[in-house]
Amino acid sequence: MLFTPPMNMMDFFRRSEGTWLTQRTVHHFDLVADESGDSNLFIGVIPNDDPRVETICKQQGIQPSQASGGASFIWQSNLDESPPNSDYAAVLVDVPDDETGLSGKLLRNQGYVEKIPVVSRYWFGKDGILTMDTEYDNNQGQERCWFITHDFRVRVSTVRMMNGVYLMTYCSERRCVTPDMLDAMIQNNVSRASLTAP
């Protein structure tokens, strides 16, 4: 079956819901310690009547009725067995430009580069690639993300400062299988094996 990429932000959030193993490569353009490595990314979908949507919209002077919903993101080191740290979390709220949902604003309670509330512009290309531009106080960030399959996606980003590009990041992300998903896969294989048994 042909894979169809998400073409609006809420569909993108729904397709992204779950736990992902992120393998990232970071290239700094100055003498900063290497940040490449593996991490877990937890994504949850937030409905438009969630209190966090109203709070974040009001922070940015936007009517909550314009929002279509949002998502929560939490990052954690792959080897960290403690509960996820809220310092590495963010909530994003989708405010589409129109009913197509092909472009709009993403309101974040805190940015990735600077830990302040920010507004990003986003749009989906005809190829399904999501592009997000963010203006911070001292930096500009651009992130592009696209699905290769339902369970594998790619993210690339750059951070620019006034004197040029500061860093570039490449991430490949694989969806983690939950125990329920694994049980369903096993049962499916058992059923298939019983149909082909002599």
N, C-alpha and C. Protein backbone atom coordinates (compact mmCIF):
# COMPACT_ATOMS: atom_id res chain seq x y z
N MET A 1 0.83 -1.18 0.00
CA MET A 1 0.00 0.00 0.00
C MET A 1 0.88 1.25 0.00
N LEU A 2 0.55 2.23 -0.84
CA LEU A 2 1.34 3.43 -0.99
C LEU A 2 1.21 4.29 0.26
N PHE A 3 2.36 4.78 0.78
CA PHE A 3 2.36 5.62 1.96
C PHE A 3 1.97 7.05 1.58
N THR A 4 1.02 7.63 2.31
CA THR A 4 0.60 9.01 2.08
C THR A 4 1.07 9.85 3.25
N PRO A 5 1.89 10.87 3.03
CA PRO A 5 2.40 11.67 4.14
C PRO A 5 1.32 12.59 4.71
N PRO A 6 1.43 12.96 5.99
CA PRO A 6 0.48 13.92 6.56
C PRO A 6 0.66 15.28 5.89
N MET A 7 -0.45 16.00 5.69
CA MET A 7 -0.39 17.30 5.01
C MET A 7 -1.01 18.43 5.83
N ASN A 8 -1.33 18.16 7.10
CA ASN A 8 -1.71 19.24 8.01
C ASN A 8 -1.14 18.91 9.39
N MET A 9 -1.05 19.92 10.24
CA MET A 9 -0.30 19.74 11.49
C MET A 9 -0.94 18.74 12.45
N MET A 10 -2.26 18.77 12.59
CA MET A 10 -2.88 17.83 13.52
C MET A 10 -2.72 16.38 13.04
N ASP A 11 -2.79 16.16 11.73
CA ASP A 11 -2.54 14.82 11.20
C ASP A 11 -1.09 14.43 11.46
N PHE A 12 -0.19 15.40 11.31
CA PHE A 12 1.23 15.17 11.58
C PHE A 12 1.42 14.78 13.05
N PHE A 13 0.75 15.50 13.96
CA PHE A 13 0.85 15.16 15.38
C PHE A 13 0.30 13.77 15.66
N ARG A 14 -0.86 13.45 15.06
CA ARG A 14 -1.46 12.13 15.30
C ARG A 14 -0.56 11.02 14.78
N ARG A 15 0.05 11.23 13.62
CA ARG A 15 0.95 10.20 13.08
C ARG A 15 2.22 10.07 13.92
N SER A 16 2.55 11.15 14.64
CA SER A 16 3.78 11.17 15.43
C SER A 16 3.57 10.66 16.85
N GLU A 17 2.33 10.46 17.27
CA GLU A 17 2.06 10.10 18.66
C GLU A 17 2.74 8.78 19.00
N GLY A 18 3.36 8.74 20.18
CA GLY A 18 4.04 7.53 20.63
C GLY A 18 5.45 7.83 21.09
N THR A 19 6.26 6.81 21.16
CA THR A 19 7.65 6.92 21.60
C THR A 19 8.58 6.63 20.42
N TRP A 20 9.58 7.49 20.25
CA TRP A 20 10.51 7.35 19.14
C TRP A 20 11.94 7.26 19.66
N LEU A 21 12.74 6.45 19.00
CA LEU A 21 14.18 6.42 19.26
C LEU A 21 14.82 7.38 18.26
N THR A 22 15.43 8.44 18.78
CA THR A 22 16.06 9.45 17.95
C THR A 22 17.57 9.23 17.95
N GLN A 23 18.13 9.09 16.76
CA GLN A 23 19.59 9.01 16.60
C GLN A 23 20.02 10.29 15.90
N ARG A 24 20.78 11.12 16.62
CA ARG A 24 21.07 12.46 16.10
C ARG A 24 22.56 12.68 15.93
N THR A 25 22.87 13.42 14.87
CA THR A 25 24.21 13.88 14.59
C THR A 25 24.18 15.40 14.59
N VAL A 26 25.06 16.02 15.38
CA VAL A 26 25.08 17.47 15.51
C VAL A 26 26.44 17.97 15.03
N HIS A 27 26.41 18.98 14.16
CA HIS A 27 27.66 19.59 13.71
C HIS A 27 27.69 21.04 14.15
N HIS A 28 28.56 21.34 15.12
CA HIS A 28 28.74 22.72 15.59
C HIS A 28 29.78 23.42 14.74
N PHE A 29 29.62 24.72 14.57
CA PHE A 29 30.57 25.50 13.80
C PHE A 29 31.48 26.31 14.71
N ASP A 30 31.56 25.93 15.97
CA ASP A 30 32.53 26.51 16.90
C ASP A 30 32.95 25.41 17.87
N LEU A 31 33.70 25.75 18.89
CA LEU A 31 34.26 24.75 19.80
C LEU A 31 33.29 24.42 20.93
N VAL A 32 32.23 23.72 20.60
CA VAL A 32 31.24 23.29 21.58
C VAL A 32 31.28 21.77 21.65
N ALA A 33 31.06 21.25 22.85
CA ALA A 33 31.11 19.79 23.03
C ALA A 33 30.10 19.10 22.11
N ASP A 34 30.46 17.93 21.63
CA ASP A 34 29.61 17.15 20.74
C ASP A 34 28.31 16.78 21.44
N GLU A 35 27.18 16.95 20.76
CA GLU A 35 25.87 16.61 21.32
C GLU A 35 25.22 15.46 20.56
N SER A 36 25.99 14.77 19.71
CA SER A 36 25.43 13.64 18.97
C SER A 36 25.12 12.51 19.94
N GLY A 37 24.16 11.67 19.57
CA GLY A 37 23.83 10.54 20.42
C GLY A 37 22.41 10.07 20.21
N ASP A 38 21.95 9.21 21.11
CA ASP A 38 20.61 8.63 21.03
C ASP A 38 19.74 9.18 22.16
N SER A 39 18.49 9.38 21.86
CA SER A 39 17.55 9.82 22.89
C SER A 39 16.17 9.27 22.58
N ASN A 40 15.29 9.35 23.57
CA ASN A 40 13.90 8.96 23.39
C ASN A 40 13.06 10.22 23.26
N LEU A 41 12.09 10.20 22.38
CA LEU A 41 11.18 11.31 22.19
C LEU A 41 9.76 10.80 22.41
N PHE A 42 9.07 11.41 23.37
CA PHE A 42 7.69 11.01 23.69
C PHE A 42 6.75 12.09 23.17
N ILE A 43 5.79 11.70 22.34
CA ILE A 43 4.87 12.67 21.73
C ILE A 43 3.44 12.26 22.06
N GLY A 44 2.67 13.22 22.54
CA GLY A 44 1.26 12.99 22.82
C GLY A 44 0.40 14.05 22.16
N VAL A 45 -0.77 13.68 21.66
CA VAL A 45 -1.68 14.63 21.01
C VAL A 45 -2.55 15.31 22.07
N ILE A 46 -2.78 16.61 21.89
CA ILE A 46 -3.57 17.41 22.82
C ILE A 46 -4.80 17.93 22.08
N PRO A 47 -6.02 17.68 22.58
CA PRO A 47 -7.22 18.21 21.92
C PRO A 47 -7.34 19.72 22.12
N ASN A 48 -8.16 20.36 21.28
CA ASN A 48 -8.23 21.83 21.35
C ASN A 48 -8.92 22.35 22.60
N ASP A 49 -9.58 21.48 23.39
CA ASP A 49 -10.19 21.93 24.63
C ASP A 49 -9.30 21.68 25.85
N ASP A 50 -8.05 21.26 25.62
CA ASP A 50 -7.09 21.07 26.71
C ASP A 50 -6.74 22.44 27.31
N PRO A 51 -6.70 22.59 28.63
CA PRO A 51 -6.38 23.88 29.25
C PRO A 51 -5.05 24.48 28.80
N ARG A 52 -4.09 23.64 28.45
CA ARG A 52 -2.79 24.15 28.00
C ARG A 52 -2.91 24.92 26.70
N VAL A 53 -3.86 24.53 25.84
CA VAL A 53 -4.07 25.24 24.57
C VAL A 53 -4.50 26.67 24.86
N GLU A 54 -5.46 26.84 25.75
CA GLU A 54 -5.94 28.19 26.09
C GLU A 54 -4.83 29.04 26.71
N THR A 55 -4.06 28.45 27.62
CA THR A 55 -2.99 29.19 28.29
C THR A 55 -1.95 29.69 27.30
N ILE A 56 -1.52 28.81 26.39
CA ILE A 56 -0.47 29.18 25.43
C ILE A 56 -1.00 30.18 24.42
N CYS A 57 -2.25 30.03 23.98
CA CYS A 57 -2.83 31.01 23.05
C CYS A 57 -2.89 32.39 23.70
N LYS A 58 -3.31 32.45 24.95
CA LYS A 58 -3.41 33.74 25.63
C LYS A 58 -2.04 34.39 25.80
N GLN A 59 -0.99 33.58 26.02
CA GLN A 59 0.37 34.12 26.12
C GLN A 59 0.75 34.88 24.85
N GLN A 60 0.25 34.42 23.71
CA GLN A 60 0.62 35.01 22.43
C GLN A 60 -0.47 35.94 21.88
N GLY A 61 -1.52 36.21 22.66
CA GLY A 61 -2.58 37.11 22.23
C GLY A 61 -3.42 36.56 21.09
N ILE A 62 -3.61 35.24 21.08
CA ILE A 62 -4.39 34.59 20.02
C ILE A 62 -5.63 33.94 20.65
N GLN A 63 -6.76 34.08 19.98
CA GLN A 63 -7.99 33.47 20.47
C GLN A 63 -7.87 31.94 20.46
N PRO A 64 -8.13 31.28 21.59
CA PRO A 64 -8.04 29.81 21.63
C PRO A 64 -8.94 29.13 20.59
N SER A 65 -10.02 29.79 20.18
CA SER A 65 -10.92 29.19 19.19
C SER A 65 -10.26 29.02 17.83
N GLN A 66 -9.15 29.72 17.59
CA GLN A 66 -8.41 29.59 16.33
C GLN A 66 -7.54 28.34 16.30
N ALA A 67 -7.29 27.76 17.47
CA ALA A 67 -6.40 26.60 17.55
C ALA A 67 -7.15 25.32 17.21
N SER A 68 -6.46 24.41 16.54
CA SER A 68 -7.07 23.12 16.20
C SER A 68 -6.65 22.02 17.16
N GLY A 69 -5.72 22.32 18.07
CA GLY A 69 -5.21 21.33 19.01
C GLY A 69 -3.72 21.49 19.14
N GLY A 70 -3.05 20.45 19.62
CA GLY A 70 -1.61 20.56 19.80
C GLY A 70 -0.98 19.23 20.13
N ALA A 71 0.24 19.30 20.64
CA ALA A 71 0.98 18.09 21.02
C ALA A 71 1.99 18.43 22.10
N SER A 72 2.29 17.44 22.93
CA SER A 72 3.33 17.57 23.95
C SER A 72 4.54 16.75 23.51
N PHE A 73 5.72 17.29 23.77
CA PHE A 73 6.98 16.65 23.41
C PHE A 73 7.87 16.58 24.64
N ILE A 74 8.46 15.43 24.90
CA ILE A 74 9.43 15.28 25.98
C ILE A 74 10.62 14.50 25.44
N TRP A 75 11.83 15.02 25.68
CA TRP A 75 13.06 14.37 25.26
C TRP A 75 13.75 13.79 26.48
N GLN A 76 14.39 12.63 26.30
CA GLN A 76 15.10 11.97 27.39
C GLN A 76 16.26 11.17 26.82
N SER A 77 17.38 11.18 27.54
CA SER A 77 18.51 10.36 27.13
C SER A 77 18.08 8.91 27.03
N ASN A 78 18.58 8.22 26.02
CA ASN A 78 18.20 6.83 25.79
C ASN A 78 18.59 5.92 26.95
N LEU A 79 19.61 6.29 27.71
CA LEU A 79 20.09 5.45 28.81
C LEU A 79 19.54 5.88 30.16
N ASP A 80 18.75 6.95 30.19
CA ASP A 80 18.21 7.49 31.44
C ASP A 80 16.97 6.71 31.86
N GLU A 81 17.02 6.06 33.02
CA GLU A 81 15.89 5.25 33.49
C GLU A 81 14.99 6.02 34.46
N SER A 82 15.32 7.27 34.78
CA SER A 82 14.49 8.06 35.68
C SER A 82 13.30 8.63 34.91
N PRO A 83 12.27 9.13 35.61
CA PRO A 83 11.13 9.74 34.91
C PRO A 83 11.58 10.91 34.05
N PRO A 84 10.90 11.18 32.92
CA PRO A 84 11.29 12.29 32.04
C PRO A 84 11.32 13.62 32.79
N ASN A 85 12.28 14.47 32.46
CA ASN A 85 12.49 15.76 33.11
C ASN A 85 11.70 16.84 32.36
N SER A 86 10.86 17.59 33.08
CA SER A 86 10.04 18.62 32.44
C SER A 86 10.87 19.75 31.83
N ASP A 87 12.15 19.85 32.22
CA ASP A 87 13.03 20.86 31.61
C ASP A 87 13.25 20.56 30.13
N TYR A 88 13.02 19.31 29.73
CA TYR A 88 13.22 18.90 28.34
C TYR A 88 11.88 18.59 27.68
N ALA A 89 10.88 19.40 28.01
CA ALA A 89 9.53 19.20 27.47
C ALA A 89 9.05 20.49 26.83
N ALA A 90 8.11 20.35 25.92
CA ALA A 90 7.50 21.51 25.27
C ALA A 90 6.08 21.14 24.85
N VAL A 91 5.22 22.14 24.79
CA VAL A 91 3.87 21.98 24.28
C VAL A 91 3.72 22.88 23.06
N LEU A 92 3.23 22.30 21.95
CA LEU A 92 3.02 23.05 20.71
C LEU A 92 1.54 23.11 20.42
N VAL A 93 1.06 24.29 19.99
CA VAL A 93 -0.34 24.49 19.65
C VAL A 93 -0.43 24.90 18.19
N ASP A 94 -1.32 24.25 17.46
CA ASP A 94 -1.49 24.50 16.02
C ASP A 94 -2.56 25.56 15.79
N VAL A 95 -2.18 26.63 15.04
CA VAL A 95 -3.14 27.65 14.62
C VAL A 95 -3.04 27.73 13.09
N PRO A 96 -3.86 26.96 12.38
CA PRO A 96 -3.75 26.94 10.90
C PRO A 96 -4.20 28.25 10.28
N ASP A 97 -3.64 28.54 9.09
CA ASP A 97 -4.02 29.75 8.36
C ASP A 97 -5.44 29.67 7.81
N ASP A 98 -5.84 28.47 7.38
CA ASP A 98 -7.17 28.30 6.79
C ASP A 98 -7.59 26.85 6.93
N GLU A 99 -8.70 26.49 6.29
CA GLU A 99 -9.25 25.15 6.47
C GLU A 99 -8.40 24.05 5.83
N THR A 100 -7.50 24.42 4.90
CA THR A 100 -6.65 23.39 4.30
C THR A 100 -5.63 22.85 5.30
N GLY A 101 -5.19 23.68 6.24
CA GLY A 101 -4.20 23.26 7.22
C GLY A 101 -2.81 23.09 6.66
N LEU A 102 -2.57 23.56 5.43
CA LEU A 102 -1.25 23.39 4.80
C LEU A 102 -0.19 24.33 5.38
N SER A 103 -0.63 25.38 6.06
CA SER A 103 0.31 26.34 6.65
C SER A 103 -0.34 26.96 7.87
N GLY A 104 0.48 27.60 8.69
CA GLY A 104 -0.06 28.24 9.87
C GLY A 104 1.03 28.61 10.86
N LYS A 105 0.60 28.81 12.10
CA LYS A 105 1.52 29.15 13.19
C LYS A 105 1.54 28.02 14.21
N LEU A 106 2.71 27.78 14.76
CA LEU A 106 2.88 26.86 15.89
C LEU A 106 3.27 27.70 17.10
N LEU A 107 2.45 27.66 18.13
CA LEU A 107 2.74 28.37 19.37
C LEU A 107 3.41 27.38 20.31
N ARG A 108 4.56 27.78 20.87
CA ARG A 108 5.28 26.88 21.77
C ARG A 108 5.40 27.55 23.14
N ASN A 109 5.17 26.77 24.19
CA ASN A 109 5.35 27.34 25.52
C ASN A 109 6.82 27.63 25.81
N GLN A 110 7.71 26.89 25.14
CA GLN A 110 9.14 27.22 25.18
C GLN A 110 9.82 26.65 23.95
N GLY A 111 10.79 27.41 23.44
CA GLY A 111 11.47 27.01 22.21
C GLY A 111 12.53 25.96 22.46
N TYR A 112 13.05 25.40 21.35
CA TYR A 112 14.11 24.40 21.44
C TYR A 112 15.47 25.07 21.68
N VAL A 113 15.66 26.22 21.05
CA VAL A 113 16.96 26.89 21.10
C VAL A 113 17.06 27.81 22.31
N GLU A 114 16.04 28.62 22.52
CA GLU A 114 15.97 29.50 23.69
C GLU A 114 14.70 29.13 24.45
N LYS A 115 14.81 28.99 25.75
CA LYS A 115 13.69 28.51 26.58
C LYS A 115 12.70 29.64 26.87
N ILE A 116 12.11 30.18 25.81
CA ILE A 116 11.13 31.25 25.94
C ILE A 116 9.92 30.89 25.06
N PRO A 117 8.72 31.41 25.37
CA PRO A 117 7.58 31.18 24.48
C PRO A 117 7.87 31.78 23.10
N VAL A 118 7.57 31.01 22.06
CA VAL A 118 7.85 31.47 20.69
C VAL A 118 6.72 31.07 19.75
N VAL A 119 6.70 31.74 18.60
CA VAL A 119 5.76 31.42 17.53
C VAL A 119 6.56 31.04 16.31
N SER A 120 6.26 29.90 15.73
CA SER A 120 6.91 29.45 14.50
C SER A 120 5.92 29.52 13.34
N ARG A 121 6.43 29.74 12.15
CA ARG A 121 5.63 29.62 10.93
C ARG A 121 5.91 28.23 10.36
N TYR A 122 4.86 27.57 9.86
CA TYR A 122 5.07 26.25 9.26
C TYR A 122 4.30 26.16 7.95
N TRP A 123 4.75 25.24 7.11
CA TRP A 123 4.02 24.92 5.89
C TRP A 123 4.43 23.53 5.42
N PHE A 124 3.51 22.88 4.74
CA PHE A 124 3.76 21.56 4.15
C PHE A 124 3.98 21.72 2.65
N GLY A 125 5.06 21.14 2.14
CA GLY A 125 5.30 21.12 0.71
C GLY A 125 4.45 20.06 0.04
N LYS A 126 4.38 20.11 -1.28
CA LYS A 126 3.62 19.11 -2.02
C LYS A 126 4.17 17.71 -1.82
N ASP A 127 5.45 17.63 -1.43
CA ASP A 127 6.08 16.34 -1.18
C ASP A 127 5.86 15.84 0.24
N GLY A 128 5.09 16.61 1.05
CA GLY A 128 4.81 16.19 2.42
C GLY A 128 5.87 16.61 3.43
N ILE A 129 6.88 17.36 3.00
CA ILE A 129 7.91 17.82 3.94
C ILE A 129 7.38 19.02 4.72
N LEU A 130 7.45 18.92 6.04
CA LEU A 130 7.04 19.99 6.93
C LEU A 130 8.25 20.89 7.20
N THR A 131 8.08 22.19 6.99
CA THR A 131 9.14 23.17 7.28
C THR A 131 8.63 24.13 8.35
N MET A 132 9.46 24.38 9.36
CA MET A 132 9.12 25.29 10.45
C MET A 132 10.24 26.31 10.62
N ASP A 133 9.89 27.59 10.58
CA ASP A 133 10.83 28.69 10.81
C ASP A 133 10.50 29.35 12.13
N THR A 134 11.53 29.57 12.96
CA THR A 134 11.33 30.18 14.27
C THR A 134 12.31 31.32 14.46
N GLU A 135 11.77 32.47 14.88
CA GLU A 135 12.60 33.64 15.21
C GLU A 135 12.69 33.74 16.73
N TYR A 136 13.90 33.61 17.26
CA TYR A 136 14.14 33.81 18.68
C TYR A 136 14.70 35.22 18.90
N ASP A 137 14.99 35.54 20.15
CA ASP A 137 15.57 36.85 20.43
C ASP A 137 16.93 37.02 19.78
N ASN A 138 17.75 35.96 19.82
CA ASN A 138 19.13 36.07 19.32
C ASN A 138 19.46 35.06 18.23
N ASN A 139 18.52 34.23 17.84
CA ASN A 139 18.79 33.16 16.87
C ASN A 139 17.61 33.01 15.92
N GLN A 140 17.89 32.35 14.80
CA GLN A 140 16.85 31.91 13.88
C GLN A 140 17.00 30.40 13.71
N GLY A 141 15.90 29.70 13.78
CA GLY A 141 15.95 28.26 13.60
C GLY A 141 15.05 27.81 12.47
N GLN A 142 15.49 26.81 11.75
CA GLN A 142 14.63 26.17 10.74
C GLN A 142 14.74 24.67 10.94
N GLU A 143 13.58 24.02 10.96
CA GLU A 143 13.54 22.57 11.07
C GLU A 143 12.66 22.03 9.96
N ARG A 144 13.11 20.93 9.35
CA ARG A 144 12.32 20.24 8.33
C ARG A 144 12.16 18.80 8.78
N CYS A 145 10.96 18.27 8.60
CA CYS A 145 10.68 16.91 9.06
C CYS A 145 9.78 16.22 8.06
N TRP A 146 10.02 14.94 7.82
CA TRP A 146 9.16 14.19 6.91
C TRP A 146 9.19 12.71 7.27
N PHE A 147 8.07 12.05 6.97
CA PHE A 147 7.93 10.61 7.19
C PHE A 147 8.42 9.86 5.96
N ILE A 148 9.23 8.83 6.19
CA ILE A 148 9.63 7.91 5.13
C ILE A 148 8.60 6.78 5.06
N THR A 149 8.22 6.26 6.23
CA THR A 149 7.15 5.28 6.38
C THR A 149 6.34 5.71 7.61
N HIS A 150 5.34 4.93 7.98
CA HIS A 150 4.57 5.25 9.18
C HIS A 150 5.44 5.23 10.44
N ASP A 151 6.50 4.42 10.41
CA ASP A 151 7.29 4.20 11.62
C ASP A 151 8.73 4.70 11.53
N PHE A 152 9.02 5.49 10.51
CA PHE A 152 10.37 6.04 10.36
C PHE A 152 10.27 7.44 9.78
N ARG A 153 10.91 8.41 10.44
CA ARG A 153 10.89 9.78 9.95
C ARG A 153 12.26 10.42 10.12
N VAL A 154 12.46 11.54 9.45
CA VAL A 154 13.74 12.23 9.43
C VAL A 154 13.51 13.69 9.81
N ARG A 155 14.44 14.26 10.58
CA ARG A 155 14.42 15.68 10.90
C ARG A 155 15.79 16.29 10.64
N VAL A 156 15.82 17.45 10.03
CA VAL A 156 17.06 18.20 9.87
C VAL A 156 16.79 19.63 10.34
N SER A 157 17.78 20.24 10.98
CA SER A 157 17.57 21.59 11.47
C SER A 157 18.86 22.38 11.41
N THR A 158 18.71 23.70 11.34
CA THR A 158 19.84 24.61 11.42
C THR A 158 19.49 25.71 12.41
N VAL A 159 20.50 26.21 13.09
CA VAL A 159 20.36 27.38 13.95
C VAL A 159 21.34 28.42 13.44
N ARG A 160 20.81 29.61 13.15
CA ARG A 160 21.63 30.70 12.63
C ARG A 160 21.68 31.84 13.64
N MET A 161 22.87 32.39 13.81
CA MET A 161 23.04 33.58 14.63
C MET A 161 23.41 34.74 13.69
N MET A 162 23.59 35.91 14.23
CA MET A 162 23.87 37.08 13.39
C MET A 162 25.14 36.91 12.57
N ASN A 163 26.11 36.15 13.10
CA ASN A 163 27.38 35.98 12.39
C ASN A 163 27.42 34.71 11.54
N GLY A 164 26.26 34.07 11.33
CA GLY A 164 26.23 32.90 10.45
C GLY A 164 25.63 31.68 11.11
N VAL A 165 25.78 30.53 10.45
CA VAL A 165 25.21 29.28 10.96
C VAL A 165 25.98 28.82 12.19
N TYR A 166 25.24 28.46 13.22
CA TYR A 166 25.83 28.04 14.49
C TYR A 166 25.92 26.52 14.57
N LEU A 167 24.85 25.83 14.16
CA LEU A 167 24.89 24.37 14.18
C LEU A 167 23.89 23.79 13.19
N MET A 168 24.13 22.56 12.82
CA MET A 168 23.23 21.79 11.98
C MET A 168 23.03 20.43 12.63
N THR A 169 21.80 19.91 12.53
CA THR A 169 21.46 18.65 13.17
C THR A 169 20.72 17.75 12.19
N TYR A 170 21.07 16.48 12.21
CA TYR A 170 20.35 15.46 11.43
C TYR A 170 19.86 14.40 12.42
N CYS A 171 18.57 14.09 12.35
CA CYS A 171 18.00 13.05 13.22
C CYS A 171 17.24 12.03 12.39
N SER A 172 17.46 10.76 12.67
CA SER A 172 16.60 9.71 12.13
C SER A 172 15.84 9.14 13.32
N GLU A 173 14.54 8.93 13.13
CA GLU A 173 13.69 8.53 14.25
C GLU A 173 12.87 7.30 13.88
N ARG A 174 12.94 6.29 14.75
CA ARG A 174 12.19 5.05 14.56
C ARG A 174 11.17 4.92 15.70
N ARG A 175 9.94 4.58 15.32
CA ARG A 175 8.90 4.40 16.33
C ARG A 175 9.22 3.16 17.18
N CYS A 176 9.10 3.31 18.49
CA CYS A 176 9.31 2.18 19.40
C CYS A 176 8.04 1.35 19.50
N VAL A 177 8.20 0.05 19.56
CA VAL A 177 7.07 -0.87 19.64
C VAL A 177 6.66 -1.01 21.11
N THR A 178 5.38 -0.79 21.41
CA THR A 178 4.87 -0.96 22.77
C THR A 178 4.57 -2.44 23.02
N PRO A 179 4.45 -2.83 24.28
CA PRO A 179 4.09 -4.24 24.57
C PRO A 179 2.78 -4.65 23.89
N ASP A 180 1.78 -3.75 23.86
CA ASP A 180 0.51 -4.08 23.21
C ASP A 180 0.70 -4.30 21.70
N MET A 181 1.51 -3.42 21.08
CA MET A 181 1.78 -3.57 19.65
C MET A 181 2.51 -4.88 19.38
N LEU A 182 3.46 -5.22 20.27
CA LEU A 182 4.23 -6.47 20.10
C LEU A 182 3.31 -7.67 20.24
N ASP A 183 2.40 -7.66 21.23
CA ASP A 183 1.45 -8.77 21.40
C ASP A 183 0.58 -8.93 20.16
N ALA A 184 0.12 -7.80 19.60
CA ALA A 184 -0.73 -7.86 18.40
C ALA A 184 0.04 -8.43 17.22
N MET A 185 1.32 -8.06 17.09
CA MET A 185 2.15 -8.59 16.00
C MET A 185 2.35 -10.09 16.14
N ILE A 186 2.58 -10.53 17.40
CA ILE A 186 2.78 -11.96 17.65
C ILE A 186 1.50 -12.74 17.31
N GLN A 187 0.36 -12.23 17.77
CA GLN A 187 -0.92 -12.90 17.48
C GLN A 187 -1.19 -12.95 15.98
N ASN A 188 -0.85 -11.87 15.29
CA ASN A 188 -1.04 -11.84 13.84
C ASN A 188 -0.19 -12.91 13.16
N ASN A 189 1.05 -13.04 13.60
CA ASN A 189 1.94 -14.04 13.02
C ASN A 189 1.49 -15.47 13.34
N VAL A 190 0.98 -15.67 14.57
CA VAL A 190 0.47 -16.98 14.95
C VAL A 190 -0.72 -17.35 14.06
N SER A 191 -1.61 -16.36 13.82
CA SER A 191 -2.77 -16.61 12.97
C SER A 191 -2.35 -16.94 11.54
N ARG A 192 -1.38 -16.19 11.03
CA ARG A 192 -0.90 -16.44 9.67
C ARG A 192 -0.26 -17.82 9.58
N ALA A 193 0.49 -18.21 10.61
CA ALA A 193 1.16 -19.51 10.60
C ALA A 193 0.14 -20.65 10.63
N SER A 194 -0.95 -20.45 11.38
CA SER A 194 -1.96 -21.52 11.47
C SER A 194 -2.69 -21.69 10.15
N LEU A 195 -2.81 -20.60 9.36
CA LEU A 195 -3.49 -20.70 8.06
C LEU A 195 -2.64 -21.44 7.03
N THR A 196 -1.33 -21.36 7.18
CA THR A 196 -0.44 -22.02 6.20
C THR A 196 0.03 -23.39 6.65
N ALA A 197 -0.33 -23.78 7.90
CA ALA A 197 0.12 -25.08 8.42
C ALA A 197 -0.56 -26.22 7.64
N PRO A 198 0.18 -27.31 7.36
CA PRO A 198 -0.39 -28.44 6.60
C PRO A 198 -1.46 -29.17 7.40
